[in-house]
């Protein structure tokens, strides 16, 4: 299973880790996924979507 948000489809990004000698090593930055139940269905949702779901629920 891919590390992607089930709601927005956002996934991991690539970044460069730089050593003291400025050698670039590519690394993957994963998004913060949480298991949440949305409308009775268990989904893996990013924290950005959880925040927006709470804001929509308030209004």
C-alpha atoms as a PDB file:
ATOM      1  CA  UNK A   1       0.000   0.000   0.000  1.00  0.00           C
ATOM      2  CA  UNK A   2       1.352   3.385  -1.002  1.00  0.00           C
ATOM      3  CA  UNK A   3       1.958   6.138   1.519  1.00  0.00           C
ATOM      4  CA  UNK A   4      -0.668   8.476   0.121  1.00  0.00           C
ATOM      5  CA  UNK A   5      -3.593  10.305   1.621  1.00  0.00           C
ATOM      6  CA  UNK A   6      -6.868   8.605   0.737  1.00  0.00           C
ATOM      7  CA  UNK A   7      -8.717  11.943   0.577  1.00  0.00           C
ATOM      8  CA  UNK A   8      -6.448  14.344  -1.289  1.00  0.00           C
ATOM      9  CA  UNK A   9      -3.946  11.926  -2.874  1.00  0.00           C
ATOM     10  CA  UNK A  10      -0.931  13.774  -1.492  1.00  0.00           C
ATOM     11  CA  UNK A  11       2.178  11.602  -1.231  1.00  0.00           C
ATOM     12  CA  UNK A  12       5.808  11.773  -0.235  1.00  0.00           C
ATOM     13  CA  UNK A  13       8.301  14.244  -1.703  1.00  0.00           C
ATOM     14  CA  UNK A  14      12.003  14.018  -2.494  1.00  0.00           C
ATOM     15  CA  UNK A  15      14.575  16.153  -0.773  1.00  0.00           C
ATOM     16  CA  UNK A  16      18.355  16.395  -0.703  1.00  0.00           C
ATOM     17  CA  UNK A  17      20.320  15.665   2.442  1.00  0.00           C
ATOM     18  CA  UNK A  18      23.617  17.578   2.302  1.00  0.00           C
ATOM     19  CA  UNK A  19      26.747  16.379   4.057  1.00  0.00           C
ATOM     20  CA  UNK A  20      29.507  18.605   5.422  1.00  0.00           C
ATOM     21  CA  UNK A  21      31.310  18.301   2.075  1.00  0.00           C
ATOM     22  CA  UNK A  22      28.053  19.328   0.294  1.00  0.00           C
ATOM     23  CA  UNK A  23      27.493  15.892  -1.259  1.00  0.00           C
ATOM     24  CA  UNK A  24      23.840  15.465  -2.135  1.00  0.00           C
ATOM     25  CA  UNK A  25      22.023  12.305  -1.060  1.00  0.00           C
ATOM     26  CA  UNK A  26      18.385  12.024  -2.092  1.00  0.00           C
ATOM     27  CA  UNK A  27      15.969  11.146   0.662  1.00  0.00           C
ATOM     28  CA  UNK A  28      12.205  10.757   0.747  1.00  0.00           C
ATOM     29  CA  UNK A  29      10.076  12.885   3.053  1.00  0.00           C
ATOM     30  CA  UNK A  30       6.893  11.058   3.987  1.00  0.00           C
ATOM     31  CA  UNK A  31       3.710  12.891   4.890  1.00  0.00           C
ATOM     32  CA  UNK A  32       2.138  12.505   8.315  1.00  0.00           C
ATOM     33  CA  UNK A  33      -0.573   9.864   7.794  1.00  0.00           C
ATOM     34  CA  UNK A  34      -3.062   8.942  10.488  1.00  0.00           C
ATOM     35  CA  UNK A  35      -5.694   6.193  10.492  1.00  0.00           C
ATOM     36  CA  UNK A  36      -9.068   7.914  10.875  1.00  0.00           C
ATOM     37  CA  UNK A  37     -12.674   6.817  10.485  1.00  0.00           C
ATOM     38  CA  UNK A  38     -14.490   9.163   8.094  1.00  0.00           C
ATOM     39  CA  UNK A  39     -18.211   8.514   7.473  1.00  0.00           C
ATOM     40  CA  UNK A  40     -17.878   4.976   8.878  1.00  0.00           C
ATOM     41  CA  UNK A  41     -14.910   4.070   6.624  1.00  0.00           C
ATOM     42  CA  UNK A  42     -11.379   3.671   8.004  1.00  0.00           C
ATOM     43  CA  UNK A  43      -8.947   5.725   5.893  1.00  0.00           C
ATOM     44  CA  UNK A  44      -5.322   6.812   5.983  1.00  0.00           C
ATOM     45  CA  UNK A  45      -5.594  10.591   6.013  1.00  0.00           C
ATOM     46  CA  UNK A  46      -2.899  13.276   6.176  1.00  0.00           C
ATOM     47  CA  UNK A  47      -2.963  15.715   9.068  1.00  0.00           C
ATOM     48  CA  UNK A  48      -3.665  18.603   6.689  1.00  0.00           C
ATOM     49  CA  UNK A  49      -6.950  16.932   5.665  1.00  0.00           C
ATOM     50  CA  UNK A  50      -7.820  16.152   9.307  1.00  0.00           C
ATOM     51  CA  UNK A  51      -7.399  19.842  10.132  1.00  0.00           C
ATOM     52  CA  UNK A  52      -9.611  20.907   7.224  1.00  0.00           C
ATOM     53  CA  UNK A  53     -12.252  18.292   8.153  1.00  0.00           C
ATOM     54  CA  UNK A  54     -12.414  19.748  11.681  1.00  0.00           C
ATOM     55  CA  UNK A  55     -12.791  23.270  10.287  1.00  0.00           C
ATOM     56  CA  UNK A  56     -15.637  22.157   7.985  1.00  0.00           C
ATOM     57  CA  UNK A  57     -17.364  20.383  10.878  1.00  0.00           C
ATOM     58  CA  UNK A  58     -17.316  23.552  13.015  1.00  0.00           C
ATOM     59  CA  UNK A  59     -19.082  25.683  10.398  1.00  0.00           C
END
